[in-house]
């Protein structure tokens, strides 16, 4: 699935649909003028081509300050990876390589808590 740009109007609908499908959900918090955010975007596009059952939701913190506050975003790019609605498996700031993200997700595949 491609990256989906979300804001306060469509965020809940998109994230709920992704969890209902059983997708791993990546929340990518960015600023439109951030070079590191663009670099993370390239890594996530590469990951999206390799993995199934993945939803990437992109949130522009400048346009969606309410979502940034709700998730306590202080710096960009910030990425949060959810294996399920109540199972956060990664939270971090900065660029992460697609192979490293894929490894984090695969490490939880056999985890019964997922």
N, C-alpha and C. Protein backbone atom coordinates (compact mmCIF):
# COMPACT_ATOMS: atom_id res chain seq x y z
N UNK A 1 0.84 -1.18 0.00
CA UNK A 1 0.00 0.00 0.00
C UNK A 1 0.89 1.24 0.00
N UNK A 2 0.46 2.25 -0.65
CA UNK A 2 1.24 3.48 -0.74
C UNK A 2 1.13 4.30 0.53
N UNK A 3 1.97 5.32 0.60
CA UNK A 3 1.88 6.25 1.71
C UNK A 3 0.60 7.06 1.58
N UNK A 4 -0.07 7.25 2.68
CA UNK A 4 -1.32 8.00 2.69
C UNK A 4 -1.10 9.26 3.52
N UNK A 5 -1.34 10.41 2.93
CA UNK A 5 -1.25 11.66 3.67
C UNK A 5 -2.53 11.81 4.48
N UNK A 6 -2.37 12.02 5.78
CA UNK A 6 -3.53 12.16 6.64
C UNK A 6 -3.46 13.45 7.45
N UNK A 7 -4.62 13.87 7.90
CA UNK A 7 -4.73 15.03 8.79
C UNK A 7 -5.81 14.72 9.81
N UNK A 8 -6.21 15.70 10.57
CA UNK A 8 -7.21 15.48 11.59
C UNK A 8 -8.55 15.00 11.05
N UNK A 9 -8.83 15.29 9.79
CA UNK A 9 -10.11 14.91 9.20
C UNK A 9 -10.20 13.43 8.84
N UNK A 10 -9.10 12.84 8.37
CA UNK A 10 -9.17 11.45 7.90
C UNK A 10 -8.28 10.48 8.68
N UNK A 11 -7.58 10.95 9.68
CA UNK A 11 -6.64 10.10 10.40
C UNK A 11 -7.32 8.89 11.04
N UNK A 12 -8.35 9.13 11.84
CA UNK A 12 -9.00 8.03 12.56
C UNK A 12 -9.54 6.98 11.59
N UNK A 13 -10.16 7.41 10.53
CA UNK A 13 -10.70 6.48 9.53
C UNK A 13 -9.60 5.62 8.92
N UNK A 14 -8.50 6.23 8.54
CA UNK A 14 -7.40 5.50 7.89
C UNK A 14 -6.70 4.53 8.84
N UNK A 15 -6.44 4.97 10.08
CA UNK A 15 -5.72 4.09 11.00
C UNK A 15 -6.62 2.92 11.44
N UNK A 16 -7.89 3.18 11.65
CA UNK A 16 -8.81 2.10 12.03
C UNK A 16 -8.93 1.07 10.91
N UNK A 17 -9.02 1.53 9.67
CA UNK A 17 -9.12 0.62 8.53
C UNK A 17 -7.86 -0.24 8.42
N UNK A 18 -6.71 0.36 8.64
CA UNK A 18 -5.44 -0.38 8.57
C UNK A 18 -5.37 -1.47 9.64
N UNK A 19 -5.76 -1.13 10.86
CA UNK A 19 -5.74 -2.13 11.94
C UNK A 19 -6.76 -3.23 11.69
N UNK A 20 -7.90 -2.89 11.12
CA UNK A 20 -8.90 -3.91 10.81
C UNK A 20 -8.39 -4.89 9.75
N UNK A 21 -7.57 -4.40 8.82
CA UNK A 21 -6.97 -5.27 7.81
C UNK A 21 -5.84 -6.13 8.39
N UNK A 22 -5.40 -5.79 9.59
CA UNK A 22 -4.28 -6.50 10.20
C UNK A 22 -2.93 -5.99 9.74
N UNK A 23 -2.89 -4.79 9.20
CA UNK A 23 -1.64 -4.20 8.72
C UNK A 23 -0.76 -3.73 9.87
N UNK A 24 0.54 -3.75 9.61
CA UNK A 24 1.48 -3.01 10.44
C UNK A 24 1.30 -1.55 10.02
N UNK A 25 1.23 -0.65 10.99
CA UNK A 25 1.00 0.77 10.70
C UNK A 25 2.23 1.57 11.08
N UNK A 26 2.71 2.34 10.12
CA UNK A 26 3.82 3.26 10.38
C UNK A 26 3.27 4.67 10.32
N UNK A 27 3.46 5.41 11.41
CA UNK A 27 3.12 6.82 11.45
C UNK A 27 4.40 7.59 11.20
N UNK A 28 4.39 8.39 10.16
CA UNK A 28 5.57 9.18 9.78
C UNK A 28 5.22 10.65 9.97
N UNK A 29 5.79 11.26 10.99
CA UNK A 29 5.55 12.66 11.29
C UNK A 29 6.65 13.49 10.65
N UNK A 30 6.26 14.46 9.82
CA UNK A 30 7.23 15.21 9.03
C UNK A 30 6.92 16.70 9.03
N UNK A 31 7.85 17.43 8.45
CA UNK A 31 7.66 18.82 8.05
C UNK A 31 7.94 18.86 6.56
N UNK A 32 7.18 19.63 5.83
CA UNK A 32 7.31 19.67 4.37
C UNK A 32 8.69 20.19 3.92
N UNK A 33 9.40 20.92 4.76
CA UNK A 33 10.66 21.53 4.36
C UNK A 33 11.87 20.89 5.02
N UNK A 34 11.74 19.64 5.39
CA UNK A 34 12.77 18.93 6.13
C UNK A 34 13.45 17.90 5.22
N UNK A 35 14.75 18.06 5.00
CA UNK A 35 15.49 17.13 4.15
C UNK A 35 15.53 15.72 4.73
N UNK A 36 15.69 15.60 6.03
CA UNK A 36 15.70 14.28 6.67
C UNK A 36 14.34 13.59 6.52
N UNK A 37 13.28 14.38 6.54
CA UNK A 37 11.94 13.82 6.35
C UNK A 37 11.81 13.23 4.95
N UNK A 38 12.38 13.93 3.97
CA UNK A 38 12.34 13.42 2.59
C UNK A 38 13.14 12.13 2.49
N UNK A 39 14.29 12.08 3.15
CA UNK A 39 15.13 10.88 3.12
C UNK A 39 14.39 9.69 3.76
N UNK A 40 13.72 9.92 4.88
CA UNK A 40 12.94 8.86 5.50
C UNK A 40 11.82 8.41 4.56
N UNK A 41 11.24 9.34 3.85
CA UNK A 41 10.19 9.02 2.88
C UNK A 41 10.69 8.06 1.82
N UNK A 42 11.91 8.28 1.33
CA UNK A 42 12.49 7.38 0.32
C UNK A 42 12.69 5.98 0.89
N UNK A 43 13.14 5.90 2.14
CA UNK A 43 13.33 4.60 2.79
C UNK A 43 11.99 3.88 2.96
N UNK A 44 10.96 4.61 3.33
CA UNK A 44 9.65 3.99 3.52
C UNK A 44 9.02 3.57 2.20
N UNK A 45 9.28 4.33 1.14
CA UNK A 45 8.79 3.92 -0.19
C UNK A 45 9.44 2.60 -0.60
N UNK A 46 10.73 2.46 -0.33
CA UNK A 46 11.44 1.21 -0.63
C UNK A 46 10.86 0.06 0.19
N UNK A 47 10.60 0.30 1.45
CA UNK A 47 10.02 -0.71 2.32
C UNK A 47 8.63 -1.11 1.83
N UNK A 48 7.85 -0.15 1.42
CA UNK A 48 6.49 -0.40 0.94
C UNK A 48 6.49 -1.32 -0.28
N UNK A 49 7.51 -1.19 -1.13
CA UNK A 49 7.61 -2.05 -2.31
C UNK A 49 7.94 -3.49 -1.93
N UNK A 50 8.62 -3.69 -0.79
CA UNK A 50 9.06 -5.02 -0.37
C UNK A 50 8.05 -5.75 0.50
N UNK A 51 7.24 -5.04 1.24
CA UNK A 51 6.40 -5.67 2.26
C UNK A 51 4.92 -5.58 1.92
N UNK A 52 4.20 -6.62 2.32
CA UNK A 52 2.74 -6.60 2.25
C UNK A 52 2.20 -6.29 3.64
N UNK A 53 0.90 -6.04 3.71
CA UNK A 53 0.24 -5.77 4.99
C UNK A 53 0.91 -4.64 5.76
N UNK A 54 1.15 -3.55 5.04
CA UNK A 54 1.81 -2.39 5.61
C UNK A 54 1.03 -1.15 5.21
N UNK A 55 0.75 -0.30 6.17
CA UNK A 55 0.13 1.00 5.90
C UNK A 55 1.03 2.07 6.47
N UNK A 56 1.37 3.05 5.65
CA UNK A 56 2.21 4.16 6.08
C UNK A 56 1.35 5.43 6.03
N UNK A 57 1.17 6.04 7.19
CA UNK A 57 0.39 7.27 7.29
C UNK A 57 1.36 8.43 7.53
N UNK A 58 1.31 9.41 6.64
CA UNK A 58 2.21 10.56 6.70
C UNK A 58 1.45 11.75 7.27
N UNK A 59 2.00 12.33 8.32
CA UNK A 59 1.37 13.46 8.99
C UNK A 59 2.31 14.66 8.94
N UNK A 60 1.86 15.73 8.30
CA UNK A 60 2.61 16.99 8.26
C UNK A 60 2.31 17.73 9.56
N UNK A 61 3.31 17.84 10.41
CA UNK A 61 3.11 18.43 11.74
C UNK A 61 2.68 19.90 11.68
N UNK A 62 3.09 20.60 10.64
CA UNK A 62 2.68 21.99 10.48
C UNK A 62 1.21 22.13 10.16
N UNK A 63 0.68 21.21 9.37
CA UNK A 63 -0.72 21.26 8.98
C UNK A 63 -1.63 20.53 9.95
N UNK A 64 -1.06 19.64 10.76
CA UNK A 64 -1.85 18.82 11.69
C UNK A 64 -1.24 18.88 13.09
N UNK A 65 -1.21 20.08 13.63
CA UNK A 65 -0.61 20.27 14.95
C UNK A 65 -1.33 19.45 16.02
N UNK A 66 -2.64 19.23 15.84
CA UNK A 66 -3.40 18.45 16.82
C UNK A 66 -2.89 17.02 16.89
N UNK A 67 -2.60 16.40 15.75
CA UNK A 67 -2.07 15.03 15.75
C UNK A 67 -0.65 14.99 16.31
N UNK A 68 0.15 15.99 15.97
CA UNK A 68 1.52 16.05 16.51
C UNK A 68 1.49 16.16 18.03
N UNK A 69 0.59 16.96 18.56
CA UNK A 69 0.47 17.09 20.01
C UNK A 69 -0.05 15.80 20.64
N UNK A 70 -1.03 15.17 19.99
CA UNK A 70 -1.61 13.94 20.53
C UNK A 70 -0.55 12.85 20.66
N UNK A 71 0.42 12.81 19.73
CA UNK A 71 1.47 11.79 19.75
C UNK A 71 2.79 12.31 20.33
N UNK A 72 2.75 13.49 20.96
CA UNK A 72 3.92 14.07 21.64
C UNK A 72 5.12 14.21 20.72
N UNK A 73 4.91 14.72 19.53
CA UNK A 73 5.99 14.88 18.56
C UNK A 73 6.71 16.20 18.84
N UNK A 74 8.01 16.09 19.05
CA UNK A 74 8.84 17.26 19.34
C UNK A 74 9.78 17.56 18.18
N UNK A 75 10.30 16.50 17.54
CA UNK A 75 11.24 16.64 16.43
C UNK A 75 10.72 15.85 15.22
N UNK A 76 11.19 16.27 14.05
CA UNK A 76 10.87 15.53 12.83
C UNK A 76 12.17 15.18 12.11
N UNK A 77 12.18 14.10 11.38
CA UNK A 77 11.10 13.14 11.25
C UNK A 77 11.03 12.22 12.48
N UNK A 78 9.82 11.93 12.89
CA UNK A 78 9.57 10.94 13.94
C UNK A 78 8.75 9.83 13.31
N UNK A 79 9.12 8.60 13.64
CA UNK A 79 8.41 7.45 13.12
C UNK A 79 7.96 6.58 14.29
N UNK A 80 6.71 6.12 14.21
CA UNK A 80 6.17 5.18 15.19
C UNK A 80 5.63 4.00 14.40
N UNK A 81 6.00 2.79 14.83
CA UNK A 81 5.54 1.58 14.16
C UNK A 81 4.67 0.79 15.11
N UNK A 82 3.45 0.51 14.67
CA UNK A 82 2.49 -0.25 15.47
C UNK A 82 2.24 -1.59 14.80
N UNK A 83 2.42 -2.65 15.56
CA UNK A 83 2.12 -4.00 15.09
C UNK A 83 0.61 -4.25 15.18
N UNK A 84 -0.03 -3.63 16.16
CA UNK A 84 -1.48 -3.67 16.32
C UNK A 84 -1.86 -2.38 17.04
N UNK A 85 -3.14 -2.20 17.23
CA UNK A 85 -3.63 -0.96 17.80
C UNK A 85 -2.99 -0.61 19.15
N UNK A 86 -2.68 -1.62 19.93
CA UNK A 86 -2.10 -1.37 21.25
C UNK A 86 -0.68 -1.93 21.39
N UNK A 87 0.00 -2.10 20.27
CA UNK A 87 1.34 -2.71 20.30
C UNK A 87 2.34 -1.87 19.50
N UNK A 88 2.95 -0.88 20.18
CA UNK A 88 3.99 -0.05 19.59
C UNK A 88 5.30 -0.83 19.62
N UNK A 89 5.93 -1.04 18.44
CA UNK A 89 7.17 -1.80 18.42
C UNK A 89 8.40 -0.93 18.17
N UNK A 90 8.18 0.32 17.74
CA UNK A 90 9.32 1.22 17.53
C UNK A 90 8.83 2.66 17.59
N UNK A 91 9.69 3.50 18.17
CA UNK A 91 9.45 4.93 18.20
C UNK A 91 10.82 5.61 18.17
N UNK A 92 11.02 6.48 17.19
CA UNK A 92 12.32 7.13 17.11
C UNK A 92 12.31 8.34 16.20
N UNK A 93 13.37 9.12 16.33
CA UNK A 93 13.55 10.34 15.55
C UNK A 93 14.71 10.13 14.59
N UNK A 94 14.55 10.62 13.37
CA UNK A 94 15.63 10.55 12.39
C UNK A 94 15.34 9.55 11.29
N UNK A 95 16.31 9.40 10.42
CA UNK A 95 16.18 8.51 9.27
C UNK A 95 16.60 7.10 9.68
N UNK A 96 15.77 6.13 9.32
CA UNK A 96 16.07 4.72 9.57
C UNK A 96 16.03 4.02 8.22
N UNK A 97 17.00 3.17 7.96
CA UNK A 97 17.06 2.47 6.68
C UNK A 97 15.94 1.46 6.55
N UNK A 98 15.46 1.26 5.33
CA UNK A 98 14.34 0.35 5.09
C UNK A 98 14.65 -1.06 5.56
N UNK A 99 15.87 -1.53 5.38
CA UNK A 99 16.24 -2.88 5.83
C UNK A 99 16.13 -3.00 7.34
N UNK A 100 16.51 -1.95 8.06
CA UNK A 100 16.42 -1.97 9.52
C UNK A 100 14.96 -1.96 9.99
N UNK A 101 14.12 -1.21 9.30
CA UNK A 101 12.69 -1.17 9.64
C UNK A 101 12.08 -2.54 9.39
N UNK A 102 12.41 -3.12 8.25
CA UNK A 102 11.89 -4.44 7.91
C UNK A 102 12.29 -5.48 8.96
N UNK A 103 13.54 -5.42 9.39
CA UNK A 103 14.03 -6.34 10.41
C UNK A 103 13.26 -6.18 11.73
N UNK A 104 13.01 -4.92 12.13
CA UNK A 104 12.25 -4.69 13.37
C UNK A 104 10.87 -5.33 13.28
N UNK A 105 10.22 -5.17 12.14
CA UNK A 105 8.87 -5.70 11.96
C UNK A 105 8.91 -7.23 11.94
N UNK A 106 9.87 -7.80 11.23
CA UNK A 106 9.95 -9.25 11.12
C UNK A 106 10.30 -9.91 12.45
N UNK A 107 11.05 -9.23 13.30
CA UNK A 107 11.40 -9.78 14.61
C UNK A 107 10.17 -10.03 15.47
N UNK A 108 9.08 -9.31 15.19
CA UNK A 108 7.86 -9.48 15.98
C UNK A 108 6.86 -10.42 15.33
N UNK A 109 7.18 -10.99 14.18
CA UNK A 109 6.24 -11.85 13.45
C UNK A 109 5.78 -13.05 14.29
N UNK A 110 6.66 -13.69 15.00
CA UNK A 110 6.28 -14.85 15.81
C UNK A 110 5.82 -14.49 17.20
N UNK A 111 5.83 -13.22 17.53
CA UNK A 111 5.46 -12.76 18.86
C UNK A 111 3.95 -12.89 19.05
N UNK A 112 3.53 -13.69 19.99
CA UNK A 112 2.11 -13.97 20.22
C UNK A 112 1.35 -12.73 20.73
N UNK A 113 2.08 -11.72 21.22
CA UNK A 113 1.40 -10.51 21.71
C UNK A 113 0.96 -9.62 20.57
N UNK A 114 1.40 -9.90 19.36
CA UNK A 114 1.10 -9.04 18.21
C UNK A 114 -0.34 -9.15 17.79
